mmCIF file of all heavy atoms, coordinates in Angstrom:
data_MODEL
# 
_entry.id   MODEL 
# 
loop_
_atom_site.group_PDB 
_atom_site.id 
_atom_site.type_symbol 
_atom_site.label_atom_id 
_atom_site.label_alt_id 
_atom_site.label_comp_id 
_atom_site.label_asym_id 
_atom_site.label_entity_id 
_atom_site.label_seq_id 
_atom_site.pdbx_PDB_ins_code 
_atom_site.Cartn_x 
_atom_site.Cartn_y 
_atom_site.Cartn_z 
_atom_site.occupancy 
_atom_site.B_iso_or_equiv 
_atom_site.pdbx_formal_charge 
_atom_site.auth_seq_id 
_atom_site.auth_comp_id 
_atom_site.auth_asym_id 
_atom_site.auth_atom_id 
_atom_site.pdbx_PDB_model_num 
ATOM 1   N N   . ASP A 1 1  ? 9.471  27.659 68.280 1.00 0.00 ? 1  ASP A N   1 
ATOM 2   C CA  . ASP A 1 1  ? 10.254 27.220 69.445 1.00 0.00 ? 1  ASP A CA  1 
ATOM 3   C C   . ASP A 1 1  ? 10.210 28.221 70.612 1.00 0.00 ? 1  ASP A C   1 
ATOM 4   O O   . ASP A 1 1  ? 11.230 28.481 71.272 1.00 0.00 ? 1  ASP A O   1 
ATOM 5   C CB  . ASP A 1 1  ? 11.738 26.988 69.072 1.00 0.00 ? 1  ASP A CB  1 
ATOM 6   C CG  . ASP A 1 1  ? 11.883 25.823 68.106 1.00 0.00 ? 1  ASP A CG  1 
ATOM 7   O OD1 . ASP A 1 1  ? 10.964 24.978 68.081 1.00 0.00 ? 1  ASP A OD1 1 
ATOM 8   O OD2 . ASP A 1 1  ? 12.898 25.769 67.383 1.00 0.00 ? 1  ASP A OD2 1 
ATOM 9   N N   . GLY A 1 2  ? 9.060  28.838 70.788 1.00 0.00 ? 2  GLY A N   1 
ATOM 10  C CA  . GLY A 1 2  ? 8.892  29.743 71.939 1.00 0.00 ? 2  GLY A CA  1 
ATOM 11  C C   . GLY A 1 2  ? 9.512  31.116 71.760 1.00 0.00 ? 2  GLY A C   1 
ATOM 12  O O   . GLY A 1 2  ? 9.509  31.923 72.686 1.00 0.00 ? 2  GLY A O   1 
ATOM 13  N N   . THR A 1 3  ? 10.098 31.378 70.585 1.00 0.00 ? 3  THR A N   1 
ATOM 14  C CA  . THR A 1 3  ? 10.633 32.726 70.346 1.00 0.00 ? 3  THR A CA  1 
ATOM 15  C C   . THR A 1 3  ? 10.121 33.255 69.005 1.00 0.00 ? 3  THR A C   1 
ATOM 16  O O   . THR A 1 3  ? 9.625  32.496 68.167 1.00 0.00 ? 3  THR A O   1 
ATOM 17  C CB  . THR A 1 3  ? 12.181 32.746 70.293 1.00 0.00 ? 3  THR A CB  1 
ATOM 18  O OG1 . THR A 1 3  ? 12.604 32.000 69.158 1.00 0.00 ? 3  THR A OG1 1 
ATOM 19  C CG2 . THR A 1 3  ? 12.802 32.230 71.569 1.00 0.00 ? 3  THR A CG2 1 
ATOM 20  N N   . THR A 1 4  ? 10.255 34.565 68.824 1.00 0.00 ? 4  THR A N   1 
ATOM 21  C CA  . THR A 1 4  ? 9.804  35.188 67.576 1.00 0.00 ? 4  THR A CA  1 
ATOM 22  C C   . THR A 1 4  ? 10.759 36.316 67.205 1.00 0.00 ? 4  THR A C   1 
ATOM 23  O O   . THR A 1 4  ? 11.602 36.703 68.011 1.00 0.00 ? 4  THR A O   1 
ATOM 24  C CB  . THR A 1 4  ? 8.357  35.730 67.747 1.00 0.00 ? 4  THR A CB  1 
ATOM 25  O OG1 . THR A 1 4  ? 7.901  36.246 66.514 1.00 0.00 ? 4  THR A OG1 1 
ATOM 26  C CG2 . THR A 1 4  ? 8.287  36.845 68.792 1.00 0.00 ? 4  THR A CG2 1 
ATOM 27  N N   . ASN A 1 5  ? 10.632 36.822 65.992 1.00 0.00 ? 5  ASN A N   1 
ATOM 28  C CA  . ASN A 1 5  ? 11.412 37.997 65.568 1.00 0.00 ? 5  ASN A CA  1 
ATOM 29  C C   . ASN A 1 5  ? 10.484 39.194 65.449 1.00 0.00 ? 5  ASN A C   1 
ATOM 30  O O   . ASN A 1 5  ? 9.353  39.052 64.971 1.00 0.00 ? 5  ASN A O   1 
ATOM 31  C CB  . ASN A 1 5  ? 12.078 37.754 64.209 1.00 0.00 ? 5  ASN A CB  1 
ATOM 32  C CG  . ASN A 1 5  ? 13.095 36.635 64.287 1.00 0.00 ? 5  ASN A CG  1 
ATOM 33  O OD1 . ASN A 1 5  ? 13.574 36.298 65.360 1.00 0.00 ? 5  ASN A OD1 1 
ATOM 34  N ND2 . ASN A 1 5  ? 13.413 36.039 63.139 1.00 0.00 ? 5  ASN A ND2 1 
ATOM 35  N N   . LEU A 1 6  ? 10.968 40.341 65.875 1.00 0.00 ? 6  LEU A N   1 
ATOM 36  C CA  . LEU A 1 6  ? 10.143 41.544 65.851 1.00 0.00 ? 6  LEU A CA  1 
ATOM 37  C C   . LEU A 1 6  ? 10.968 42.669 65.212 1.00 0.00 ? 6  LEU A C   1 
ATOM 38  O O   . LEU A 1 6  ? 12.097 42.914 65.619 1.00 0.00 ? 6  LEU A O   1 
ATOM 39  C CB  . LEU A 1 6  ? 9.764  41.924 67.294 1.00 0.00 ? 6  LEU A CB  1 
ATOM 40  C CG  . LEU A 1 6  ? 8.880  43.138 67.536 1.00 0.00 ? 6  LEU A CG  1 
ATOM 41  C CD1 . LEU A 1 6  ? 7.463  42.874 67.026 1.00 0.00 ? 6  LEU A CD1 1 
ATOM 42  C CD2 . LEU A 1 6  ? 8.818  43.461 69.030 1.00 0.00 ? 6  LEU A CD2 1 
ATOM 43  N N   . GLY A 1 7  ? 10.401 43.313 64.190 1.00 0.00 ? 7  GLY A N   1 
ATOM 44  C CA  . GLY A 1 7  ? 11.112 44.415 63.537 1.00 0.00 ? 7  GLY A CA  1 
ATOM 45  C C   . GLY A 1 7  ? 10.279 45.678 63.562 1.00 0.00 ? 7  GLY A C   1 
ATOM 46  O O   . GLY A 1 7  ? 9.045  45.619 63.522 1.00 0.00 ? 7  GLY A O   1 
ATOM 47  N N   . PHE A 1 8  ? 10.928 46.823 63.651 1.00 0.00 ? 8  PHE A N   1 
ATOM 48  C CA  . PHE A 1 8  ? 10.190 48.098 63.584 1.00 0.00 ? 8  PHE A CA  1 
ATOM 49  C C   . PHE A 1 8  ? 11.101 49.187 63.047 1.00 0.00 ? 8  PHE A C   1 
ATOM 50  O O   . PHE A 1 8  ? 12.328 49.037 63.036 1.00 0.00 ? 8  PHE A O   1 
ATOM 51  C CB  . PHE A 1 8  ? 9.607  48.487 64.958 1.00 0.00 ? 8  PHE A CB  1 
ATOM 52  C CG  . PHE A 1 8  ? 10.619 48.598 66.063 1.00 0.00 ? 8  PHE A CG  1 
ATOM 53  C CD1 . PHE A 1 8  ? 11.269 49.784 66.322 1.00 0.00 ? 8  PHE A CD1 1 
ATOM 54  C CD2 . PHE A 1 8  ? 10.908 47.480 66.868 1.00 0.00 ? 8  PHE A CD2 1 
ATOM 55  C CE1 . PHE A 1 8  ? 12.201 49.886 67.349 1.00 0.00 ? 8  PHE A CE1 1 
ATOM 56  C CE2 . PHE A 1 8  ? 11.838 47.571 67.895 1.00 0.00 ? 8  PHE A CE2 1 
ATOM 57  C CZ  . PHE A 1 8  ? 12.484 48.782 68.142 1.00 0.00 ? 8  PHE A CZ  1 
ATOM 58  N N   . THR A 1 9  ? 10.486 50.265 62.562 1.00 0.00 ? 9  THR A N   1 
ATOM 59  C CA  . THR A 1 9  ? 11.289 51.388 62.053 1.00 0.00 ? 9  THR A CA  1 
ATOM 60  C C   . THR A 1 9  ? 11.127 52.603 62.972 1.00 0.00 ? 9  THR A C   1 
ATOM 61  O O   . THR A 1 9  ? 10.083 52.799 63.579 1.00 0.00 ? 9  THR A O   1 
ATOM 62  C CB  . THR A 1 9  ? 10.882 51.784 60.618 1.00 0.00 ? 9  THR A CB  1 
ATOM 63  O OG1 . THR A 1 9  ? 9.511  52.169 60.610 1.00 0.00 ? 9  THR A OG1 1 
ATOM 64  C CG2 . THR A 1 9  ? 11.106 50.654 59.641 1.00 0.00 ? 9  THR A CG2 1 
ATOM 65  N N   . VAL A 1 10 ? 12.215 53.386 63.039 1.00 0.00 ? 10 VAL A N   1 
ATOM 66  C CA  . VAL A 1 10 ? 12.224 54.632 63.812 1.00 0.00 ? 10 VAL A CA  1 
ATOM 67  C C   . VAL A 1 10 ? 12.890 55.696 62.930 1.00 0.00 ? 10 VAL A C   1 
ATOM 68  O O   . VAL A 1 10 ? 13.593 55.352 61.977 1.00 0.00 ? 10 VAL A O   1 
ATOM 69  C CB  . VAL A 1 10 ? 13.022 54.488 65.137 1.00 0.00 ? 10 VAL A CB  1 
ATOM 70  C CG1 . VAL A 1 10 ? 12.380 53.478 66.059 1.00 0.00 ? 10 VAL A CG1 1 
ATOM 71  C CG2 . VAL A 1 10 ? 14.485 54.128 64.879 1.00 0.00 ? 10 VAL A CG2 1 
ATOM 72  N N   . PRO A 1 11 ? 12.693 56.990 63.220 1.00 0.00 ? 11 PRO A N   1 
ATOM 73  C CA  . PRO A 1 11 ? 13.431 58.008 62.454 1.00 0.00 ? 11 PRO A CA  1 
ATOM 74  C C   . PRO A 1 11 ? 14.943 57.798 62.654 1.00 0.00 ? 11 PRO A C   1 
ATOM 75  O O   . PRO A 1 11 ? 15.383 57.447 63.744 1.00 0.00 ? 11 PRO A O   1 
ATOM 76  C CB  . PRO A 1 11 ? 12.973 59.327 63.089 1.00 0.00 ? 11 PRO A CB  1 
ATOM 77  C CG  . PRO A 1 11 ? 11.672 59.012 63.746 1.00 0.00 ? 11 PRO A CG  1 
ATOM 78  C CD  . PRO A 1 11 ? 11.771 57.592 64.187 1.00 0.00 ? 11 PRO A CD  1 
ATOM 79  N N   . GLN A 1 12 ? 15.701 58.020 61.578 1.00 0.00 ? 12 GLN A N   1 
ATOM 80  C CA  . GLN A 1 12 ? 17.148 57.784 61.628 1.00 0.00 ? 12 GLN A CA  1 
ATOM 81  C C   . GLN A 1 12 ? 17.817 58.583 62.748 1.00 0.00 ? 12 GLN A C   1 
ATOM 82  O O   . GLN A 1 12 ? 18.725 58.088 63.419 1.00 0.00 ? 12 GLN A O   1 
ATOM 83  C CB  . GLN A 1 12 ? 17.734 58.203 60.281 1.00 0.00 ? 12 GLN A CB  1 
ATOM 84  C CG  . GLN A 1 12 ? 18.887 57.349 59.836 1.00 0.00 ? 12 GLN A CG  1 
ATOM 85  C CD  . GLN A 1 12 ? 19.281 57.661 58.403 1.00 0.00 ? 12 GLN A CD  1 
ATOM 86  O OE1 . GLN A 1 12 ? 19.738 58.749 58.105 1.00 0.00 ? 12 GLN A OE1 1 
ATOM 87  N NE2 . GLN A 1 12 ? 19.108 56.698 57.512 1.00 0.00 ? 12 GLN A NE2 1 
ATOM 88  N N   . ASN A 1 13 ? 17.310 59.810 62.981 1.00 0.00 ? 13 ASN A N   1 
ATOM 89  C CA  . ASN A 1 13 ? 17.939 60.656 64.010 1.00 0.00 ? 13 ASN A CA  1 
ATOM 90  C C   . ASN A 1 13 ? 17.577 60.210 65.430 1.00 0.00 ? 13 ASN A C   1 
ATOM 91  O O   . ASN A 1 13 ? 18.038 60.796 66.399 1.00 0.00 ? 13 ASN A O   1 
ATOM 92  C CB  . ASN A 1 13 ? 17.572 62.134 63.794 1.00 0.00 ? 13 ASN A CB  1 
ATOM 93  C CG  . ASN A 1 13 ? 16.083 62.362 63.699 1.00 0.00 ? 13 ASN A CG  1 
ATOM 94  O OD1 . ASN A 1 13 ? 15.314 61.430 63.477 1.00 0.00 ? 13 ASN A OD1 1 
ATOM 95  N ND2 . ASN A 1 13 ? 15.646 63.596 63.874 1.00 0.00 ? 13 ASN A ND2 1 
ATOM 96  N N   . GLU A 1 14 ? 16.730 59.171 65.561 1.00 0.00 ? 14 GLU A N   1 
ATOM 97  C CA  . GLU A 1 14 ? 16.407 58.647 66.898 1.00 0.00 ? 14 GLU A CA  1 
ATOM 98  C C   . GLU A 1 14 ? 16.980 57.233 67.100 1.00 0.00 ? 14 GLU A C   1 
ATOM 99  O O   . GLU A 1 14 ? 16.706 56.578 68.099 1.00 0.00 ? 14 GLU A O   1 
ATOM 100 C CB  . GLU A 1 14 ? 14.887 58.644 67.113 1.00 0.00 ? 14 GLU A CB  1 
ATOM 101 C CG  . GLU A 1 14 ? 14.309 60.056 67.168 1.00 0.00 ? 14 GLU A CG  1 
ATOM 102 C CD  . GLU A 1 14 ? 12.794 60.130 67.321 1.00 0.00 ? 14 GLU A CD  1 
ATOM 103 O OE1 . GLU A 1 14 ? 12.168 59.078 67.553 1.00 0.00 ? 14 GLU A OE1 1 
ATOM 104 O OE2 . GLU A 1 14 ? 12.249 61.236 67.206 1.00 0.00 ? 14 GLU A OE2 1 
ATOM 105 N N   . LEU A 1 15 ? 17.787 56.782 66.120 1.00 0.00 ? 15 LEU A N   1 
ATOM 106 C CA  . LEU A 1 15 ? 18.314 55.411 66.169 1.00 0.00 ? 15 LEU A CA  1 
ATOM 107 C C   . LEU A 1 15 ? 19.246 55.196 67.369 1.00 0.00 ? 15 LEU A C   1 
ATOM 108 O O   . LEU A 1 15 ? 19.165 54.165 68.036 1.00 0.00 ? 15 LEU A O   1 
ATOM 109 C CB  . LEU A 1 15 ? 19.025 55.057 64.856 1.00 0.00 ? 15 LEU A CB  1 
ATOM 110 C CG  . LEU A 1 15 ? 19.586 53.630 64.750 1.00 0.00 ? 15 LEU A CG  1 
ATOM 111 C CD1 . LEU A 1 15 ? 18.484 52.587 64.879 1.00 0.00 ? 15 LEU A CD1 1 
ATOM 112 C CD2 . LEU A 1 15 ? 20.329 53.418 63.425 1.00 0.00 ? 15 LEU A CD2 1 
ATOM 113 N N   . GLU A 1 16 ? 20.124 56.162 67.633 1.00 0.00 ? 16 GLU A N   1 
ATOM 114 C CA  . GLU A 1 16 ? 21.063 56.020 68.757 1.00 0.00 ? 16 GLU A CA  1 
ATOM 115 C C   . GLU A 1 16 ? 20.314 55.821 70.074 1.00 0.00 ? 16 GLU A C   1 
ATOM 116 O O   . GLU A 1 16 ? 20.674 54.965 70.885 1.00 0.00 ? 16 GLU A O   1 
ATOM 117 C CB  . GLU A 1 16 ? 21.980 57.256 68.864 1.00 0.00 ? 16 GLU A CB  1 
ATOM 118 C CG  . GLU A 1 16 ? 23.092 57.298 67.832 1.00 0.00 ? 16 GLU A CG  1 
ATOM 119 C CD  . GLU A 1 16 ? 23.976 56.054 67.841 1.00 0.00 ? 16 GLU A CD  1 
ATOM 120 O OE1 . GLU A 1 16 ? 24.361 55.592 68.932 1.00 0.00 ? 16 GLU A OE1 1 
ATOM 121 O OE2 . GLU A 1 16 ? 24.252 55.511 66.748 1.00 0.00 ? 16 GLU A OE2 1 
ATOM 122 N N   . LEU A 1 17 ? 19.267 56.621 70.249 1.00 0.00 ? 17 LEU A N   1 
ATOM 123 C CA  . LEU A 1 17 ? 18.458 56.533 71.469 1.00 0.00 ? 17 LEU A CA  1 
ATOM 124 C C   . LEU A 1 17 ? 17.734 55.179 71.526 1.00 0.00 ? 17 LEU A C   1 
ATOM 125 O O   . LEU A 1 17 ? 17.640 54.551 72.591 1.00 0.00 ? 17 LEU A O   1 
ATOM 126 C CB  . LEU A 1 17 ? 17.444 57.687 71.485 1.00 0.00 ? 17 LEU A CB  1 
ATOM 127 C CG  . LEU A 1 17 ? 16.835 58.080 72.824 1.00 0.00 ? 17 LEU A CG  1 
ATOM 128 C CD1 . LEU A 1 17 ? 17.873 58.301 73.900 1.00 0.00 ? 17 LEU A CD1 1 
ATOM 129 C CD2 . LEU A 1 17 ? 15.978 59.344 72.661 1.00 0.00 ? 17 LEU A CD2 1 
ATOM 130 N N   . ALA A 1 18 ? 17.268 54.700 70.373 1.00 0.00 ? 18 ALA A N   1 
ATOM 131 C CA  . ALA A 1 18 ? 16.599 53.390 70.301 1.00 0.00 ? 18 ALA A CA  1 
ATOM 132 C C   . ALA A 1 18 ? 17.587 52.278 70.660 1.00 0.00 ? 18 ALA A C   1 
ATOM 133 O O   . ALA A 1 18 ? 17.236 51.329 71.377 1.00 0.00 ? 18 ALA A O   1 
ATOM 134 C CB  . ALA A 1 18 ? 16.027 53.163 68.903 1.00 0.00 ? 18 ALA A CB  1 
ATOM 135 N N   . LYS A 1 19 ? 18.837 52.411 70.187 1.00 0.00 ? 19 LYS A N   1 
ATOM 136 C CA  . LYS A 1 19 ? 19.880 51.414 70.508 1.00 0.00 ? 19 LYS A CA  1 
ATOM 137 C C   . LYS A 1 19 ? 20.082 51.348 72.020 1.00 0.00 ? 19 LYS A C   1 
ATOM 138 O O   . LYS A 1 19 ? 20.093 50.260 72.612 1.00 0.00 ? 19 LYS A O   1 
ATOM 139 C CB  . LYS A 1 19 ? 21.219 51.801 69.852 1.00 0.00 ? 19 LYS A CB  1 
ATOM 140 C CG  . LYS A 1 19 ? 21.338 51.404 68.395 1.00 0.00 ? 19 LYS A CG  1 
ATOM 141 C CD  . LYS A 1 19 ? 22.745 51.752 67.885 1.00 0.00 ? 19 LYS A CD  1 
ATOM 142 C CE  . LYS A 1 19 ? 22.862 51.485 66.388 1.00 0.00 ? 19 LYS A CE  1 
ATOM 143 N NZ  . LYS A 1 19 ? 24.155 51.879 65.833 1.00 0.00 ? 19 LYS A NZ  1 
ATOM 144 N N   . GLU A 1 20 ? 20.258 52.511 72.632 1.00 0.00 ? 20 GLU A N   1 
ATOM 145 C CA  . GLU A 1 20 ? 20.475 52.550 74.089 1.00 0.00 ? 20 GLU A CA  1 
ATOM 146 C C   . GLU A 1 20 ? 19.298 51.908 74.827 1.00 0.00 ? 20 GLU A C   1 
ATOM 147 O O   . GLU A 1 20 ? 19.488 51.154 75.781 1.00 0.00 ? 20 GLU A O   1 
ATOM 148 C CB  . GLU A 1 20 ? 20.624 54.014 74.556 1.00 0.00 ? 20 GLU A CB  1 
ATOM 149 C CG  . GLU A 1 20 ? 21.960 54.633 74.209 1.00 0.00 ? 20 GLU A CG  1 
ATOM 150 C CD  . GLU A 1 20 ? 22.009 56.114 74.544 1.00 0.00 ? 20 GLU A CD  1 
ATOM 151 O OE1 . GLU A 1 20 ? 21.260 56.557 75.448 1.00 0.00 ? 20 GLU A OE1 1 
ATOM 152 O OE2 . GLU A 1 20 ? 22.792 56.832 73.901 1.00 0.00 ? 20 GLU A OE2 1 
ATOM 153 N N   . THR A 1 21 ? 18.079 52.224 74.382 1.00 0.00 ? 21 THR A N   1 
ATOM 154 C CA  . THR A 1 21 ? 16.881 51.695 75.032 1.00 0.00 ? 21 THR A CA  1 
ATOM 155 C C   . THR A 1 21 ? 16.821 50.180 74.926 1.00 0.00 ? 21 THR A C   1 
ATOM 156 O O   . THR A 1 21 ? 16.511 49.483 75.892 1.00 0.00 ? 21 THR A O   1 
ATOM 157 C CB  . THR A 1 21 ? 15.621 52.328 74.384 1.00 0.00 ? 21 THR A CB  1 
ATOM 158 O OG1 . THR A 1 21 ? 15.804 53.742 74.328 1.00 0.00 ? 21 THR A OG1 1 
ATOM 159 C CG2 . THR A 1 21 ? 14.363 52.027 75.176 1.00 0.00 ? 21 THR A CG2 1 
ATOM 160 N N   . MET A 1 22 ? 17.144 49.656 73.736 1.00 0.00 ? 22 MET A N   1 
ATOM 161 C CA  . MET A 1 22 ? 17.112 48.206 73.521 1.00 0.00 ? 22 MET A CA  1 
ATOM 162 C C   . MET A 1 22 ? 18.195 47.484 74.342 1.00 0.00 ? 22 MET A C   1 
ATOM 163 O O   . MET A 1 22 ? 17.984 46.393 74.853 1.00 0.00 ? 22 MET A O   1 
ATOM 164 C CB  . MET A 1 22 ? 17.275 47.875 72.029 1.00 0.00 ? 22 MET A CB  1 
ATOM 165 C CG  . MET A 1 22 ? 16.088 48.271 71.155 1.00 0.00 ? 22 MET A CG  1 
ATOM 166 S SD  . MET A 1 22 ? 14.538 47.453 71.616 1.00 0.00 ? 22 MET A SD  1 
ATOM 167 C CE  . MET A 1 22 ? 13.718 48.691 72.563 1.00 0.00 ? 22 MET A CE  1 
ATOM 168 N N   . GLN A 1 23 ? 19.359 48.119 74.453 1.00 0.00 ? 23 GLN A N   1 
ATOM 169 C CA  . GLN A 1 23 ? 20.460 47.505 75.229 1.00 0.00 ? 23 GLN A CA  1 
ATOM 170 C C   . GLN A 1 23 ? 20.071 47.361 76.711 1.00 0.00 ? 23 GLN A C   1 
ATOM 171 O O   . GLN A 1 23 ? 20.368 46.360 77.354 1.00 0.00 ? 23 GLN A O   1 
ATOM 172 C CB  . GLN A 1 23 ? 21.740 48.328 75.082 1.00 0.00 ? 23 GLN A CB  1 
ATOM 173 C CG  . GLN A 1 23 ? 22.490 47.992 73.789 1.00 0.00 ? 23 GLN A CG  1 
ATOM 174 C CD  . GLN A 1 23 ? 23.404 49.127 73.315 1.00 0.00 ? 23 GLN A CD  1 
ATOM 175 O OE1 . GLN A 1 23 ? 23.575 50.119 74.009 1.00 0.00 ? 23 GLN A OE1 1 
ATOM 176 N NE2 . GLN A 1 23 ? 23.976 48.974 72.122 1.00 0.00 ? 23 GLN A NE2 1 
ATOM 177 N N   . LYS A 1 24 ? 19.371 48.361 77.226 1.00 0.00 ? 24 LYS A N   1 
ATOM 178 C CA  . LYS A 1 24 ? 18.957 48.318 78.637 1.00 0.00 ? 24 LYS A CA  1 
ATOM 179 C C   . LYS A 1 24 ? 17.904 47.239 78.862 1.00 0.00 ? 24 LYS A C   1 
ATOM 180 O O   . LYS A 1 24 ? 17.805 46.666 79.936 1.00 0.00 ? 24 LYS A O   1 
ATOM 181 C CB  . LYS A 1 24 ? 18.384 49.685 79.055 1.00 0.00 ? 24 LYS A CB  1 
ATOM 182 C CG  . LYS A 1 24 ? 19.472 50.710 79.348 1.00 0.00 ? 24 LYS A CG  1 
ATOM 183 C CD  . LYS A 1 24 ? 18.861 52.050 79.703 1.00 0.00 ? 24 LYS A CD  1 
ATOM 184 C CE  . LYS A 1 24 ? 19.927 53.132 79.701 1.00 0.00 ? 24 LYS A CE  1 
ATOM 185 N NZ  . LYS A 1 24 ? 19.375 54.467 79.522 1.00 0.00 ? 24 LYS A NZ  1 
ATOM 186 N N   . LEU A 1 25 ? 17.093 46.983 77.825 1.00 0.00 ? 25 LEU A N   1 
ATOM 187 C CA  . LEU A 1 25 ? 15.972 46.042 77.985 1.00 0.00 ? 25 LEU A CA  1 
ATOM 188 C C   . LEU A 1 25 ? 16.415 44.580 77.950 1.00 0.00 ? 25 LEU A C   1 
ATOM 189 O O   . LEU A 1 25 ? 15.846 43.748 78.656 1.00 0.00 ? 25 LEU A O   1 
ATOM 190 C CB  . LEU A 1 25 ? 14.963 46.256 76.840 1.00 0.00 ? 25 LEU A CB  1 
ATOM 191 C CG  . LEU A 1 25 ? 13.689 47.047 77.137 1.00 0.00 ? 25 LEU A CG  1 
ATOM 192 C CD1 . LEU A 1 25 ? 12.746 46.905 75.951 1.00 0.00 ? 25 LEU A CD1 1 
ATOM 193 C CD2 . LEU A 1 25 ? 12.979 46.589 78.395 1.00 0.00 ? 25 LEU A CD2 1 
ATOM 194 N N   . SER A 1 26 ? 17.354 44.287 77.083 1.00 0.00 ? 26 SER A N   1 
ATOM 195 C CA  . SER A 1 26 ? 17.785 42.912 76.780 1.00 0.00 ? 26 SER A CA  1 
ATOM 196 C C   . SER A 1 26 ? 16.584 41.960 76.616 1.00 0.00 ? 26 SER A C   1 
ATOM 197 O O   . SER A 1 26 ? 16.448 40.960 77.306 1.00 0.00 ? 26 SER A O   1 
ATOM 198 C CB  . SER A 1 26 ? 18.777 42.387 77.833 1.00 0.00 ? 26 SER A CB  1 
ATOM 199 O OG  . SER A 1 26 ? 18.227 42.449 79.134 1.00 0.00 ? 26 SER A OG  1 
ATOM 200 N N   . ALA A 1 27 ? 15.692 42.356 75.690 1.00 0.00 ? 27 ALA A N   1 
ATOM 201 C CA  . ALA A 1 27 ? 14.466 41.578 75.460 1.00 0.00 ? 27 ALA A CA  1 
ATOM 202 C C   . ALA A 1 27 ? 14.647 40.524 74.372 1.00 0.00 ? 27 ALA A C   1 
ATOM 203 O O   . ALA A 1 27 ? 13.782 39.687 74.162 1.00 0.00 ? 27 ALA A O   1 
ATOM 204 C CB  . ALA A 1 27 ? 13.331 42.516 75.060 1.00 0.00 ? 27 ALA A CB  1 
ATOM 205 N N   . ALA A 1 28 ? 15.795 40.554 73.677 1.00 0.00 ? 28 ALA A N   1 
ATOM 206 C CA  . ALA A 1 28 ? 15.991 39.628 72.555 1.00 0.00 ? 28 ALA A CA  1 
ATOM 207 C C   . ALA A 1 28 ? 17.372 38.995 72.629 1.00 0.00 ? 28 ALA A C   1 
ATOM 208 O O   . ALA A 1 28 ? 18.266 39.487 73.306 1.00 0.00 ? 28 ALA A O   1 
ATOM 209 C CB  . ALA A 1 28 ? 15.853 40.408 71.250 1.00 0.00 ? 28 ALA A CB  1 
ATOM 210 N N   . ARG A 1 29 ? 17.505 37.881 71.892 1.00 0.00 ? 29 ARG A N   1 
ATOM 211 C CA  . ARG A 1 29 ? 18.793 37.185 71.858 1.00 0.00 ? 29 ARG A CA  1 
ATOM 212 C C   . ARG A 1 29 ? 19.851 38.080 71.193 1.00 0.00 ? 29 ARG A C   1 
ATOM 213 O O   . ARG A 1 29 ? 20.949 38.217 71.655 1.00 0.00 ? 29 ARG A O   1 
ATOM 214 C CB  . ARG A 1 29 ? 18.632 35.866 71.095 1.00 0.00 ? 29 ARG A CB  1 
ATOM 215 C CG  . ARG A 1 29 ? 19.791 34.885 71.301 1.00 0.00 ? 29 ARG A CG  1 
ATOM 216 C CD  . ARG A 1 29 ? 19.490 33.496 70.759 1.00 0.00 ? 29 ARG A CD  1 
ATOM 217 N NE  . ARG A 1 29 ? 19.091 33.534 69.347 1.00 0.00 ? 29 ARG A NE  1 
ATOM 218 C CZ  . ARG A 1 29 ? 17.903 33.091 68.917 1.00 0.00 ? 29 ARG A CZ  1 
ATOM 219 N NH1 . ARG A 1 29 ? 17.041 32.578 69.752 1.00 0.00 ? 29 ARG A NH1 1 
ATOM 220 N NH2 . ARG A 1 29 ? 17.592 33.165 67.639 1.00 0.00 ? 29 ARG A NH2 1 
# 
């Protein structure tokens, strides 16, 4: 239906930074 799911892993100590980055992007539902 025109959308997909995407998963990836990052080091645990970089998760907070990854969260902030994803929030700014708003690339997913």
